Amino acid sequence: MEIRKLLNESGILGVISTYQSKLTKFKTLLDLNIPNVEKALKIVRLDESILNKKYEDLTISELWKIELITKLREKVIIVGNLSLALNNQDIEYMQKLFKKLNRDFHKQIIIIDNDVKVFFNLVKTIIVIRNHEIVYKTNDFYDDDLYKYTKMPKIIEFVKFVNQDKKRINKTTDIHELIKDIYRSVS
């Protein structure tokens, strides 16, 4: 029940937990009877040639995107394992897509992953779920307690290391901003 409240407040919620795909095996994508399948394929950046591919011939990335297609009509979209299924370019695109779905179509999105980097520039609230219970909640990527449950991203580790005795650079999750800040502090 608390998840529903957090989702209503933020629109896009990051969840540190394990995710199990709900996509069932199919012969070809056409067997899923997805309305406006050509349009849906464009939304997730898949080519129409995938329509006749067999389930066994699809990549993990393609399966992940197909699972997303099957959920696009739902009010609450639950996706997971972006860090395991998609490359960095696809993750950035999906982040933009999720923001657009939330902003323009009022979709609520829950992203489940064990890699915090997936949540950068996307979510305001991160929760940790263990055994179907919320064990931790934060709005801060620099919260040390968050990293008791998952691995700390290198950029956060670096900023914490540089600032350990004195604040030298700003807390950021964007590598470009970090580089600018380092340059400013040196010159």
N, C-alpha and C. Protein backbone atom coordinates (compact mmCIF):
# COMPACT_ATOMS: atom_id res chain seq x y z
N MET A 1 0.82 -1.19 0.00
CA MET A 1 0.00 0.00 0.00
C MET A 1 0.87 1.25 0.00
N GLU A 2 1.97 1.22 0.70
CA GLU A 2 2.86 2.37 0.72
C GLU A 2 3.49 2.59 -0.66
N ILE A 3 3.70 1.53 -1.42
CA ILE A 3 4.26 1.66 -2.77
C ILE A 3 3.31 2.48 -3.64
N ARG A 4 2.03 2.21 -3.54
CA ARG A 4 1.04 2.96 -4.31
C ARG A 4 1.12 4.45 -3.98
N LYS A 5 1.25 4.79 -2.71
CA LYS A 5 1.34 6.18 -2.28
C LYS A 5 2.61 6.83 -2.85
N LEU A 6 3.74 6.14 -2.75
CA LEU A 6 5.00 6.66 -3.28
C LEU A 6 4.93 6.85 -4.79
N LEU A 7 4.28 5.90 -5.47
CA LEU A 7 4.14 5.98 -6.92
C LEU A 7 3.26 7.16 -7.32
N ASN A 8 2.21 7.38 -6.58
CA ASN A 8 1.33 8.53 -6.85
C ASN A 8 2.06 9.85 -6.66
N GLU A 9 2.95 9.90 -5.67
CA GLU A 9 3.71 11.12 -5.40
C GLU A 9 4.77 11.39 -6.46
N SER A 10 5.48 10.34 -6.89
CA SER A 10 6.63 10.56 -7.77
C SER A 10 6.37 10.25 -9.24
N GLY A 11 5.45 9.37 -9.55
CA GLY A 11 5.16 9.00 -10.94
C GLY A 11 6.06 7.92 -11.48
N ILE A 12 7.35 8.02 -11.17
CA ILE A 12 8.32 7.00 -11.56
C ILE A 12 9.09 6.62 -10.31
N LEU A 13 9.07 5.34 -9.99
CA LEU A 13 9.65 4.85 -8.74
C LEU A 13 10.77 3.86 -9.03
N GLY A 14 11.90 4.02 -8.37
CA GLY A 14 13.01 3.09 -8.50
C GLY A 14 12.96 2.08 -7.36
N VAL A 15 13.11 0.81 -7.69
CA VAL A 15 13.04 -0.25 -6.69
C VAL A 15 14.30 -1.11 -6.79
N ILE A 16 15.00 -1.22 -5.67
CA ILE A 16 16.15 -2.12 -5.60
C ILE A 16 15.60 -3.47 -5.16
N SER A 17 15.60 -4.42 -6.07
CA SER A 17 15.10 -5.76 -5.80
C SER A 17 15.38 -6.62 -7.02
N THR A 18 14.94 -7.86 -6.97
CA THR A 18 15.07 -8.73 -8.14
C THR A 18 13.77 -8.70 -8.92
N TYR A 19 13.88 -8.87 -10.22
CA TYR A 19 12.72 -8.81 -11.10
C TYR A 19 12.64 -10.09 -11.91
N GLN A 20 11.46 -10.63 -11.98
CA GLN A 20 11.20 -11.82 -12.80
C GLN A 20 10.26 -11.43 -13.93
N SER A 21 10.69 -11.66 -15.15
CA SER A 21 9.89 -11.30 -16.32
C SER A 21 8.59 -12.10 -16.35
N LYS A 22 7.53 -11.45 -16.78
CA LYS A 22 6.21 -12.10 -16.90
C LYS A 22 5.90 -12.47 -18.35
N LEU A 23 6.84 -12.23 -19.25
CA LEU A 23 6.63 -12.52 -20.66
C LEU A 23 6.64 -14.03 -20.87
N THR A 24 5.54 -14.55 -21.42
CA THR A 24 5.46 -15.98 -21.68
C THR A 24 5.95 -16.28 -23.09
N LYS A 25 6.40 -17.50 -23.30
CA LYS A 25 6.90 -17.90 -24.61
C LYS A 25 5.81 -17.77 -25.66
N PHE A 26 6.23 -17.41 -26.86
CA PHE A 26 5.31 -17.29 -27.98
C PHE A 26 6.04 -17.75 -29.23
N LYS A 27 5.27 -18.09 -30.27
CA LYS A 27 5.90 -18.53 -31.52
C LYS A 27 6.54 -17.34 -32.22
N THR A 28 5.71 -16.35 -32.56
CA THR A 28 6.21 -15.10 -33.13
C THR A 28 5.50 -13.95 -32.43
N LEU A 29 6.00 -12.76 -32.63
CA LEU A 29 5.43 -11.57 -32.00
C LEU A 29 3.98 -11.37 -32.41
N LEU A 30 3.61 -11.78 -33.60
CA LEU A 30 2.23 -11.64 -34.07
C LEU A 30 1.26 -12.44 -33.20
N ASP A 31 1.73 -13.51 -32.56
CA ASP A 31 0.88 -14.33 -31.70
C ASP A 31 0.43 -13.59 -30.44
N LEU A 32 1.11 -12.51 -30.09
CA LEU A 32 0.75 -11.77 -28.88
C LEU A 32 -0.45 -10.85 -29.08
N ASN A 33 -0.89 -10.67 -30.33
CA ASN A 33 -2.04 -9.82 -30.65
C ASN A 33 -1.96 -8.44 -30.00
N ILE A 34 -0.87 -7.76 -30.26
CA ILE A 34 -0.66 -6.42 -29.71
C ILE A 34 -1.31 -5.41 -30.65
N PRO A 35 -2.22 -4.57 -30.12
CA PRO A 35 -2.84 -3.55 -30.97
C PRO A 35 -1.80 -2.55 -31.45
N ASN A 36 -1.92 -2.10 -32.69
CA ASN A 36 -0.99 -1.13 -33.27
C ASN A 36 0.47 -1.56 -33.09
N VAL A 37 0.75 -2.81 -33.40
CA VAL A 37 2.08 -3.37 -33.14
C VAL A 37 3.18 -2.62 -33.87
N GLU A 38 2.91 -2.13 -35.08
CA GLU A 38 3.94 -1.40 -35.82
C GLU A 38 4.32 -0.11 -35.10
N LYS A 39 3.33 0.59 -34.59
CA LYS A 39 3.57 1.82 -33.84
C LYS A 39 4.32 1.52 -32.53
N ALA A 40 3.91 0.45 -31.87
CA ALA A 40 4.56 0.06 -30.62
C ALA A 40 6.03 -0.31 -30.85
N LEU A 41 6.31 -0.96 -31.96
CA LEU A 41 7.69 -1.31 -32.29
C LEU A 41 8.54 -0.06 -32.46
N LYS A 42 7.98 0.96 -33.11
CA LYS A 42 8.72 2.21 -33.29
C LYS A 42 8.99 2.88 -31.96
N ILE A 43 8.03 2.81 -31.05
CA ILE A 43 8.18 3.44 -29.73
C ILE A 43 9.39 2.87 -28.99
N VAL A 44 9.60 1.55 -29.08
CA VAL A 44 10.70 0.92 -28.36
C VAL A 44 11.94 0.70 -29.23
N ARG A 45 11.90 1.26 -30.44
CA ARG A 45 13.03 1.18 -31.37
C ARG A 45 13.35 -0.24 -31.82
N LEU A 46 12.31 -0.93 -32.26
CA LEU A 46 12.50 -2.25 -32.87
C LEU A 46 12.02 -2.18 -34.32
N ASP A 47 12.68 -2.92 -35.17
CA ASP A 47 12.36 -2.97 -36.58
C ASP A 47 11.20 -3.93 -36.83
N GLU A 48 10.39 -3.69 -37.85
CA GLU A 48 9.25 -4.57 -38.15
C GLU A 48 9.68 -5.97 -38.59
N SER A 49 10.93 -6.15 -38.95
CA SER A 49 11.41 -7.48 -39.33
C SER A 49 11.35 -8.47 -38.16
N ILE A 50 11.21 -7.95 -36.96
CA ILE A 50 11.14 -8.79 -35.77
C ILE A 50 9.79 -9.52 -35.65
N LEU A 51 8.79 -9.05 -36.38
CA LEU A 51 7.45 -9.62 -36.28
C LEU A 51 7.41 -11.13 -36.54
N ASN A 52 8.22 -11.60 -37.45
CA ASN A 52 8.19 -13.03 -37.79
C ASN A 52 9.30 -13.84 -37.16
N LYS A 53 10.11 -13.21 -36.31
CA LYS A 53 11.17 -13.95 -35.62
C LYS A 53 10.57 -14.85 -34.55
N LYS A 54 11.17 -16.01 -34.37
CA LYS A 54 10.72 -16.92 -33.32
C LYS A 54 11.27 -16.47 -31.97
N TYR A 55 10.59 -16.84 -30.92
CA TYR A 55 10.97 -16.48 -29.55
C TYR A 55 12.43 -16.86 -29.29
N GLU A 56 12.82 -18.05 -29.70
CA GLU A 56 14.16 -18.57 -29.43
C GLU A 56 15.25 -17.76 -30.14
N ASP A 57 14.89 -17.05 -31.21
CA ASP A 57 15.86 -16.31 -32.00
C ASP A 57 16.03 -14.86 -31.55
N LEU A 58 15.27 -14.46 -30.56
CA LEU A 58 15.32 -13.07 -30.09
C LEU A 58 16.43 -12.87 -29.05
N THR A 59 17.03 -11.69 -29.07
CA THR A 59 18.05 -11.36 -28.07
C THR A 59 17.37 -10.97 -26.75
N ILE A 60 18.14 -10.89 -25.70
CA ILE A 60 17.61 -10.47 -24.40
C ILE A 60 17.05 -9.05 -24.50
N SER A 61 17.75 -8.20 -25.22
CA SER A 61 17.31 -6.82 -25.40
C SER A 61 15.97 -6.77 -26.14
N GLU A 62 15.84 -7.55 -27.19
CA GLU A 62 14.58 -7.59 -27.95
C GLU A 62 13.45 -8.13 -27.10
N LEU A 63 13.70 -9.16 -26.32
CA LEU A 63 12.67 -9.71 -25.43
C LEU A 63 12.24 -8.67 -24.39
N TRP A 64 13.20 -7.94 -23.86
CA TRP A 64 12.89 -6.90 -22.88
C TRP A 64 11.97 -5.85 -23.49
N LYS A 65 12.30 -5.42 -24.71
CA LYS A 65 11.49 -4.40 -25.38
C LYS A 65 10.11 -4.94 -25.75
N ILE A 66 10.02 -6.20 -26.12
CA ILE A 66 8.72 -6.81 -26.43
C ILE A 66 7.87 -6.87 -25.17
N GLU A 67 8.48 -7.20 -24.05
CA GLU A 67 7.73 -7.22 -22.79
C GLU A 67 7.20 -5.82 -22.48
N LEU A 68 8.00 -4.79 -22.72
CA LEU A 68 7.54 -3.41 -22.52
C LEU A 68 6.36 -3.10 -23.43
N ILE A 69 6.42 -3.52 -24.68
CA ILE A 69 5.33 -3.29 -25.63
C ILE A 69 4.01 -3.85 -25.09
N THR A 70 4.08 -5.04 -24.48
CA THR A 70 2.87 -5.68 -23.97
C THR A 70 2.28 -4.91 -22.79
N LYS A 71 3.05 -4.01 -22.19
CA LYS A 71 2.59 -3.27 -21.01
C LYS A 71 2.24 -1.81 -21.30
N LEU A 72 2.44 -1.35 -22.50
CA LEU A 72 2.26 0.07 -22.81
C LEU A 72 0.84 0.58 -22.56
N ARG A 73 -0.15 -0.26 -22.65
CA ARG A 73 -1.55 0.17 -22.45
C ARG A 73 -1.96 0.21 -20.98
N GLU A 74 -1.13 -0.34 -20.10
CA GLU A 74 -1.46 -0.39 -18.67
C GLU A 74 -1.21 0.98 -18.02
N LYS A 75 -1.96 1.26 -16.96
CA LYS A 75 -1.77 2.53 -16.24
C LYS A 75 -0.47 2.50 -15.44
N VAL A 76 -0.17 1.35 -14.84
CA VAL A 76 1.09 1.18 -14.10
C VAL A 76 1.95 0.20 -14.88
N ILE A 77 3.10 0.68 -15.32
CA ILE A 77 4.04 -0.13 -16.09
C ILE A 77 5.16 -0.56 -15.15
N ILE A 78 5.35 -1.87 -15.03
CA ILE A 78 6.42 -2.40 -14.19
C ILE A 78 7.44 -3.08 -15.09
N VAL A 79 8.67 -2.57 -15.04
CA VAL A 79 9.76 -3.14 -15.84
C VAL A 79 10.93 -3.41 -14.91
N GLY A 80 11.84 -4.26 -15.38
CA GLY A 80 13.00 -4.55 -14.55
C GLY A 80 14.19 -5.02 -15.35
N ASN A 81 15.31 -5.07 -14.65
CA ASN A 81 16.56 -5.57 -15.20
C ASN A 81 17.05 -4.80 -16.43
N LEU A 82 16.87 -3.51 -16.43
CA LEU A 82 17.39 -2.70 -17.53
C LEU A 82 18.90 -2.87 -17.66
N SER A 83 19.59 -2.88 -16.53
CA SER A 83 21.05 -2.96 -16.55
C SER A 83 21.55 -4.29 -17.11
N LEU A 84 20.74 -5.32 -17.02
CA LEU A 84 21.15 -6.64 -17.53
C LEU A 84 20.73 -6.87 -18.98
N ALA A 85 19.69 -6.18 -19.43
CA ALA A 85 19.12 -6.46 -20.75
C ALA A 85 19.47 -5.42 -21.82
N LEU A 86 19.77 -4.21 -21.40
CA LEU A 86 19.95 -3.12 -22.37
C LEU A 86 21.36 -2.52 -22.29
N ASN A 87 21.81 -1.98 -23.42
CA ASN A 87 23.09 -1.27 -23.41
C ASN A 87 22.84 0.17 -22.94
N ASN A 88 23.89 0.93 -22.73
CA ASN A 88 23.77 2.30 -22.19
C ASN A 88 22.91 3.20 -23.06
N GLN A 89 23.06 3.09 -24.37
CA GLN A 89 22.27 3.92 -25.29
C GLN A 89 20.78 3.60 -25.17
N ASP A 90 20.43 2.31 -25.09
CA ASP A 90 19.04 1.91 -24.92
C ASP A 90 18.49 2.35 -23.56
N ILE A 91 19.31 2.27 -22.53
CA ILE A 91 18.87 2.70 -21.20
C ILE A 91 18.54 4.19 -21.22
N GLU A 92 19.40 5.00 -21.83
CA GLU A 92 19.14 6.44 -21.92
C GLU A 92 17.85 6.71 -22.69
N TYR A 93 17.65 5.99 -23.78
CA TYR A 93 16.42 6.17 -24.56
C TYR A 93 15.19 5.78 -23.72
N MET A 94 15.28 4.65 -23.02
CA MET A 94 14.14 4.20 -22.20
C MET A 94 13.85 5.19 -21.08
N GLN A 95 14.88 5.80 -20.51
CA GLN A 95 14.66 6.81 -19.48
C GLN A 95 13.85 7.98 -20.05
N LYS A 96 14.21 8.42 -21.25
CA LYS A 96 13.46 9.50 -21.90
C LYS A 96 12.03 9.06 -22.21
N LEU A 97 11.88 7.82 -22.67
CA LEU A 97 10.55 7.28 -22.97
C LEU A 97 9.69 7.22 -21.71
N PHE A 98 10.27 6.75 -20.60
CA PHE A 98 9.52 6.67 -19.35
C PHE A 98 9.08 8.05 -18.88
N LYS A 99 9.96 9.03 -19.00
CA LYS A 99 9.59 10.40 -18.62
C LYS A 99 8.43 10.91 -19.47
N LYS A 100 8.49 10.63 -20.77
CA LYS A 100 7.43 11.06 -21.69
C LYS A 100 6.12 10.34 -21.37
N LEU A 101 6.18 9.03 -21.13
CA LEU A 101 4.98 8.27 -20.80
C LEU A 101 4.35 8.80 -19.51
N ASN A 102 5.18 9.16 -18.55
CA ASN A 102 4.68 9.68 -17.28
C ASN A 102 4.11 11.08 -17.45
N ARG A 103 4.83 11.94 -18.13
CA ARG A 103 4.43 13.34 -18.29
C ARG A 103 3.23 13.50 -19.23
N ASP A 104 3.30 12.89 -20.41
CA ASP A 104 2.29 13.13 -21.44
C ASP A 104 1.10 12.18 -21.38
N PHE A 105 1.32 10.96 -20.90
CA PHE A 105 0.25 9.96 -20.90
C PHE A 105 -0.16 9.53 -19.50
N HIS A 106 0.42 10.17 -18.48
CA HIS A 106 0.08 9.94 -17.07
C HIS A 106 0.23 8.48 -16.66
N LYS A 107 1.22 7.82 -17.24
CA LYS A 107 1.53 6.44 -16.84
C LYS A 107 2.39 6.49 -15.59
N GLN A 108 2.17 5.54 -14.71
CA GLN A 108 3.01 5.40 -13.54
C GLN A 108 3.96 4.25 -13.82
N ILE A 109 5.23 4.44 -13.48
CA ILE A 109 6.24 3.47 -13.86
C ILE A 109 7.06 3.04 -12.65
N ILE A 110 7.18 1.73 -12.50
CA ILE A 110 8.03 1.15 -11.46
C ILE A 110 9.18 0.45 -12.18
N ILE A 111 10.39 0.85 -11.83
CA ILE A 111 11.58 0.26 -12.43
C ILE A 111 12.30 -0.53 -11.35
N ILE A 112 12.45 -1.83 -11.59
CA ILE A 112 13.09 -2.71 -10.62
C ILE A 112 14.45 -3.10 -11.17
N ASP A 113 15.49 -2.83 -10.39
CA ASP A 113 16.85 -3.16 -10.82
C ASP A 113 17.74 -3.16 -9.59
N ASN A 114 18.87 -3.84 -9.68
CA ASN A 114 19.85 -3.82 -8.59
C ASN A 114 20.97 -2.82 -8.85
N ASP A 115 20.96 -2.18 -10.01
CA ASP A 115 21.98 -1.21 -10.38
C ASP A 115 21.39 0.19 -10.26
N VAL A 116 21.88 0.97 -9.32
CA VAL A 116 21.36 2.30 -9.04
C VAL A 116 21.55 3.23 -10.23
N LYS A 117 22.57 3.01 -11.06
CA LYS A 117 22.83 3.90 -12.20
C LYS A 117 21.63 4.01 -13.13
N VAL A 118 20.81 2.98 -13.20
CA VAL A 118 19.61 2.99 -14.04
C VAL A 118 18.64 4.08 -13.59
N PHE A 119 18.67 4.43 -12.32
CA PHE A 119 17.74 5.41 -11.77
C PHE A 119 18.21 6.86 -11.91
N PHE A 120 19.50 7.07 -12.24
CA PHE A 120 20.03 8.43 -12.37
C PHE A 120 19.20 9.22 -13.37
N ASN A 121 18.91 10.47 -13.04
CA ASN A 121 18.17 11.41 -13.89
C ASN A 121 16.78 10.90 -14.25
N LEU A 122 16.23 9.99 -13.48
CA LEU A 122 14.92 9.43 -13.79
C LEU A 122 13.99 9.40 -12.58
N VAL A 123 14.44 8.87 -11.47
CA VAL A 123 13.57 8.71 -10.31
C VAL A 123 13.94 9.70 -9.21
N LYS A 124 12.95 10.05 -8.42
CA LYS A 124 13.18 10.91 -7.26
C LYS A 124 13.25 10.08 -5.99
N THR A 125 12.56 8.95 -5.98
CA THR A 125 12.51 8.10 -4.80
C THR A 125 12.99 6.70 -5.14
N ILE A 126 13.83 6.16 -4.28
CA ILE A 126 14.31 4.79 -4.42
C ILE A 126 13.90 4.03 -3.18
N ILE A 127 13.34 2.85 -3.39
CA ILE A 127 13.01 1.99 -2.25
C ILE A 127 13.74 0.66 -2.42
N VAL A 128 13.99 0.01 -1.30
CA VAL A 128 14.60 -1.32 -1.31
C VAL A 128 13.55 -2.28 -0.78
N ILE A 129 13.32 -3.33 -1.56
CA ILE A 129 12.34 -4.35 -1.14
C ILE A 129 13.07 -5.67 -0.93
N ARG A 130 12.83 -6.27 0.21
CA ARG A 130 13.33 -7.60 0.54
C ARG A 130 12.17 -8.39 1.13
N ASN A 131 11.97 -9.60 0.64
CA ASN A 131 10.87 -10.47 1.13
C ASN A 131 9.53 -9.75 1.12
N HIS A 132 9.25 -9.05 0.01
CA HIS A 132 7.98 -8.36 -0.21
C HIS A 132 7.70 -7.23 0.79
N GLU A 133 8.73 -6.75 1.46
CA GLU A 133 8.59 -5.65 2.41
C GLU A 133 9.54 -4.52 2.03
N ILE A 134 9.08 -3.29 2.23
CA ILE A 134 9.96 -2.14 2.02
C ILE A 134 10.87 -2.05 3.24
N VAL A 135 12.17 -2.22 3.01
CA VAL A 135 13.12 -2.17 4.12
C VAL A 135 13.87 -0.85 4.18
N TYR A 136 13.84 -0.09 3.07
CA TYR A 136 14.54 1.19 3.07
C TYR A 136 13.96 2.09 1.99
N LYS A 137 13.97 3.39 2.26
CA LYS A 137 13.48 4.39 1.31
C LYS A 137 14.38 5.61 1.38
N THR A 138 14.73 6.17 0.21
CA THR A 138 15.56 7.37 0.19
C THR A 138 15.27 8.20 -1.05
N ASN A 139 15.62 9.47 -0.95
CA ASN A 139 15.54 10.39 -2.09
C ASN A 139 16.93 10.87 -2.49
N ASP A 140 17.97 10.28 -1.89
CA ASP A 140 19.33 10.75 -2.05
C ASP A 140 20.23 9.62 -2.58
N PHE A 141 20.80 9.85 -3.77
CA PHE A 141 21.72 8.86 -4.34
C PHE A 141 23.01 8.77 -3.53
N TYR A 142 23.28 9.76 -2.69
CA TYR A 142 24.50 9.78 -1.88
C TYR A 142 24.24 9.27 -0.45
N ASP A 143 23.13 8.64 -0.23
CA ASP A 143 22.77 8.09 1.07
C ASP A 143 23.56 6.80 1.30
N ASP A 144 24.45 6.80 2.29
CA ASP A 144 25.30 5.64 2.57
C ASP A 144 24.49 4.39 2.91
N ASP A 145 23.36 4.57 3.58
CA ASP A 145 22.55 3.41 3.96
C ASP A 145 21.97 2.67 2.76
N LEU A 146 21.75 3.37 1.66
CA LEU A 146 21.26 2.73 0.44
C LEU A 146 22.22 1.66 -0.04
N TYR A 147 23.50 1.93 0.12
CA TYR A 147 24.52 1.03 -0.41
C TYR A 147 24.85 -0.14 0.53
N LYS A 148 24.04 -0.29 1.56
CA LYS A 148 24.08 -1.52 2.35
C LYS A 148 23.32 -2.62 1.61
N TYR A 149 22.47 -2.21 0.65
CA TYR A 149 21.60 -3.14 -0.07
C TYR A 149 22.02 -3.38 -1.51
N THR A 150 22.88 -2.54 -2.04
CA THR A 150 23.29 -2.65 -3.44
C THR A 150 24.68 -2.05 -3.60
N LYS A 151 25.27 -2.28 -4.75
CA LYS A 151 26.62 -1.78 -5.03
C LYS A 151 26.58 -0.28 -5.35
N MET A 152 27.56 0.44 -4.81
CA MET A 152 27.66 1.87 -5.04
C MET A 152 28.24 2.12 -6.44
N PRO A 153 27.59 2.98 -7.24
CA PRO A 153 28.12 3.32 -8.55
C PRO A 153 29.47 4.03 -8.43
N LYS A 154 30.32 3.86 -9.42
CA LYS A 154 31.68 4.42 -9.41
C LYS A 154 31.68 5.94 -9.29
N ILE A 155 30.76 6.61 -9.95
CA ILE A 155 30.75 8.08 -9.89
C ILE A 155 30.48 8.57 -8.47
N ILE A 156 29.59 7.91 -7.76
CA ILE A 156 29.28 8.30 -6.38
C ILE A 156 30.46 7.96 -5.48
N GLU A 157 31.04 6.80 -5.71
CA GLU A 157 32.22 6.39 -4.96
C GLU A 157 33.35 7.42 -5.14
N PHE A 158 33.56 7.87 -6.36
CA PHE A 158 34.61 8.85 -6.65
C PHE A 158 34.34 10.18 -5.95
N VAL A 159 33.13 10.69 -6.06
CA VAL A 159 32.79 11.98 -5.44
C VAL A 159 32.95 11.89 -3.93
N LYS A 160 32.51 10.79 -3.34
CA LYS A 160 32.65 10.61 -1.88
C LYS A 160 34.13 10.56 -1.49
N PHE A 161 34.94 9.89 -2.30
CA PHE A 161 36.37 9.80 -2.02
C PHE A 161 37.03 11.18 -2.07
N VAL A 162 36.74 11.93 -3.11
CA VAL A 162 37.34 13.26 -3.28
C VAL A 162 36.89 14.19 -2.15
N ASN A 163 35.67 14.06 -1.72
CA ASN A 163 35.12 14.95 -0.69
C ASN A 163 35.24 14.40 0.73
N GLN A 164 36.01 13.36 0.94
CA GLN A 164 36.00 12.71 2.24
C GLN A 164 36.47 13.61 3.39
N ASP A 165 37.45 14.47 3.17
CA ASP A 165 37.91 15.34 4.25
C ASP A 165 37.48 16.80 4.08
N LYS A 166 37.14 17.18 2.85
CA LYS A 166 36.73 18.55 2.57
C LYS A 166 35.94 18.56 1.26
N LYS A 167 34.88 19.35 1.21
CA LYS A 167 34.07 19.40 -0.01
C LYS A 167 34.84 20.13 -1.11
N ARG A 168 35.18 19.38 -2.15
CA ARG A 168 35.93 19.95 -3.26
C ARG A 168 35.09 20.03 -4.53
N ILE A 169 34.20 19.06 -4.70
CA ILE A 169 33.34 19.03 -5.89
C ILE A 169 31.90 18.76 -5.45
N ASN A 170 30.98 19.15 -6.31
CA ASN A 170 29.55 18.98 -6.01
C ASN A 170 29.13 17.54 -6.18
N LYS A 171 28.11 17.17 -5.44
CA LYS A 171 27.51 15.84 -5.59
C LYS A 171 26.74 15.82 -6.90
N THR A 172 27.07 14.89 -7.77
CA THR A 172 26.40 14.78 -9.05
C THR A 172 26.33 13.31 -9.47
N THR A 173 25.40 13.01 -10.36
CA THR A 173 25.32 11.66 -10.93
C THR A 173 25.60 11.71 -12.42
N ASP A 174 25.89 12.91 -12.93
CA ASP A 174 26.15 13.09 -14.35
C ASP A 174 27.65 13.24 -14.58
N ILE A 175 28.22 12.37 -15.39
CA ILE A 175 29.67 12.37 -15.64
C ILE A 175 30.13 13.69 -16.26
N HIS A 176 29.32 14.27 -17.13
CA HIS A 176 29.70 15.54 -17.77
C HIS A 176 29.78 16.68 -16.75
N GLU A 177 28.82 16.70 -15.84
CA GLU A 177 28.84 17.71 -14.77
C GLU A 177 30.03 17.49 -13.84
N LEU A 178 30.36 16.25 -13.59
CA LEU A 178 31.52 15.93 -12.75
C LEU A 178 32.81 16.45 -13.38
N ILE A 179 32.97 16.23 -14.67
CA ILE A 179 34.16 16.69 -15.38
C ILE A 179 34.25 18.21 -15.34
N LYS A 180 33.13 18.89 -15.58
CA LYS A 180 33.12 20.36 -15.52
C LYS A 180 33.51 20.85 -14.12
N ASP A 181 32.95 20.18 -13.10
CA ASP A 181 33.22 20.59 -11.73
C ASP A 181 34.70 20.39 -11.38
N ILE A 182 35.26 19.29 -11.81
CA ILE A 182 36.69 19.03 -11.57
C ILE A 182 37.52 20.10 -12.25
N TYR A 183 37.19 20.41 -13.49
CA TYR A 183 37.90 21.44 -14.24
C TYR A 183 37.83 22.80 -13.51
N ARG A 184 36.64 23.16 -13.03
CA ARG A 184 36.45 24.42 -12.32
C ARG A 184 37.26 24.46 -11.03
N SER A 185 37.29 23.33 -10.33
CA SER A 185 38.01 23.33 -9.04
C SER A 185 39.52 23.37 -9.21
N VAL A 186 40.02 22.91 -10.34
CA VAL A 186 41.45 22.90 -10.60
C VAL A 186 41.94 24.24 -11.12
N SER A 187 41.11 24.90 -11.93
CA SER A 187 41.56 26.17 -12.54
C SER A 187 41.33 27.36 -11.65
